[in-house]
Amino acid sequence: MQNTDTAIPLSSLEKGASASIIGFSEKGKEISNRLFELGFVNGSIITACGKAPFGNPLIFTIHGGKLSLRKEDAKNVLVRRI
């Protein structure tokens, strides 16, 4: 069983896995406003759907919609597996 209390970067979420957003890393503060407008708020549930060819960008589902996020940006979003 995985420890669900540990914060991990969104970029490490496996395809099909879901997590709750818990915040941003220090480097992520600069993109947090843009992501907030896309629904990246604490407690939001996000699911990894896959990745584009060559592994970038990553594809996620959040609030019923799909979006792609650059891997380097996803590394700065902190989530907790659910």
Protein backbone atom coordinates (compact mmCIF):
# COMPACT_ATOMS: atom_id res chain seq x y z
CA MET A 1 0.00 0.00 0.00
CA GLN A 2 1.31 3.45 -0.94
CA ASN A 3 1.75 6.21 1.61
CA THR A 4 -0.88 8.79 0.62
CA ASP A 5 0.41 11.42 3.08
CA THR A 6 3.56 12.15 1.05
CA ALA A 7 3.59 15.15 -1.29
CA ILE A 8 4.85 14.26 -4.76
CA PRO A 9 5.26 16.31 -7.94
CA LEU A 10 2.36 16.02 -10.36
CA SER A 11 4.80 14.95 -13.08
CA SER A 12 5.43 11.66 -11.24
CA LEU A 13 1.77 10.57 -11.23
CA GLU A 14 1.29 7.37 -13.23
CA LYS A 15 -1.27 7.09 -16.04
CA GLY A 16 -4.72 6.46 -14.57
CA ALA A 17 -3.72 7.57 -11.04
CA SER A 18 -5.57 10.38 -9.27
CA ALA A 19 -4.32 12.86 -6.72
CA SER A 20 -5.42 15.90 -4.74
CA ILE A 21 -3.61 19.17 -5.34
CA ILE A 22 -1.94 20.45 -2.17
CA GLY A 23 0.15 23.37 -3.45
CA PHE A 24 3.16 24.47 -5.43
CA SER A 25 6.90 24.24 -4.96
CA GLU A 26 8.89 27.46 -4.58
CA LYS A 27 9.73 27.37 -8.29
CA GLY A 28 6.04 26.84 -9.05
CA LYS A 29 4.98 30.11 -7.46
CA GLU A 30 5.64 31.95 -10.73
CA ILE A 31 3.12 29.79 -12.65
CA SER A 32 0.62 29.34 -9.80
CA ASN A 33 -1.63 32.23 -10.92
CA ARG A 34 -2.02 30.79 -14.42
CA LEU A 35 -2.72 27.32 -13.05
CA PHE A 36 -5.14 28.71 -10.45
CA GLU A 37 -7.21 30.14 -13.32
CA LEU A 38 -7.28 26.65 -14.85
CA GLY A 39 -8.69 25.17 -11.63
CA PHE A 40 -5.48 24.10 -9.87
CA VAL A 41 -6.70 24.93 -6.36
CA ASN A 42 -5.97 23.07 -3.13
CA GLY A 43 -8.17 19.99 -2.85
CA SER A 44 -8.93 19.69 -6.57
CA ILE A 45 -8.75 16.15 -7.90
CA ILE A 46 -6.53 15.61 -10.93
CA THR A 47 -6.00 12.41 -12.93
CA ALA A 48 -3.05 11.57 -15.16
CA CYS A 49 -4.32 10.52 -18.60
CA GLY A 50 -1.08 10.05 -20.48
CA LYS A 51 1.60 11.96 -22.32
CA ALA A 52 2.29 13.20 -25.80
CA PRO A 53 4.94 11.56 -27.98
CA PHE A 54 8.44 11.95 -26.54
CA GLY A 55 6.92 12.35 -23.04
CA ASN A 56 6.06 16.03 -23.15
CA PRO A 57 3.54 17.56 -22.51
CA LEU A 58 1.66 15.51 -19.94
CA ILE A 59 -2.12 15.14 -20.20
CA PHE A 60 -4.45 15.44 -17.19
CA THR A 61 -8.15 15.58 -16.38
CA ILE A 62 -9.29 18.20 -13.86
CA HIS A 63 -12.82 19.52 -13.19
CA GLY A 64 -14.20 17.42 -16.06
CA GLY A 65 -11.86 18.82 -18.71
CA LYS A 66 -8.60 17.64 -20.23
CA LEU A 67 -5.50 19.78 -20.40
CA SER A 68 -1.87 19.37 -21.23
CA LEU A 69 0.89 20.71 -19.06
CA ARG A 70 4.60 20.93 -19.75
CA LYS A 71 6.53 18.41 -17.71
CA GLU A 72 8.70 21.14 -16.17
CA ASP A 73 5.54 22.93 -14.94
CA ALA A 74 3.98 19.70 -13.65
CA LYS A 75 7.13 19.10 -11.55
CA ASN A 76 6.24 22.23 -9.55
CA VAL A 77 2.66 21.21 -8.68
CA LEU A 78 2.54 19.24 -5.42
CA VAL A 79 -0.11 16.55 -5.06
CA ARG A 80 -1.11 13.75 -2.70
CA ARG A 81 -2.18 10.40 -4.17
CA ILE A 82 -5.74 9.32 -3.40
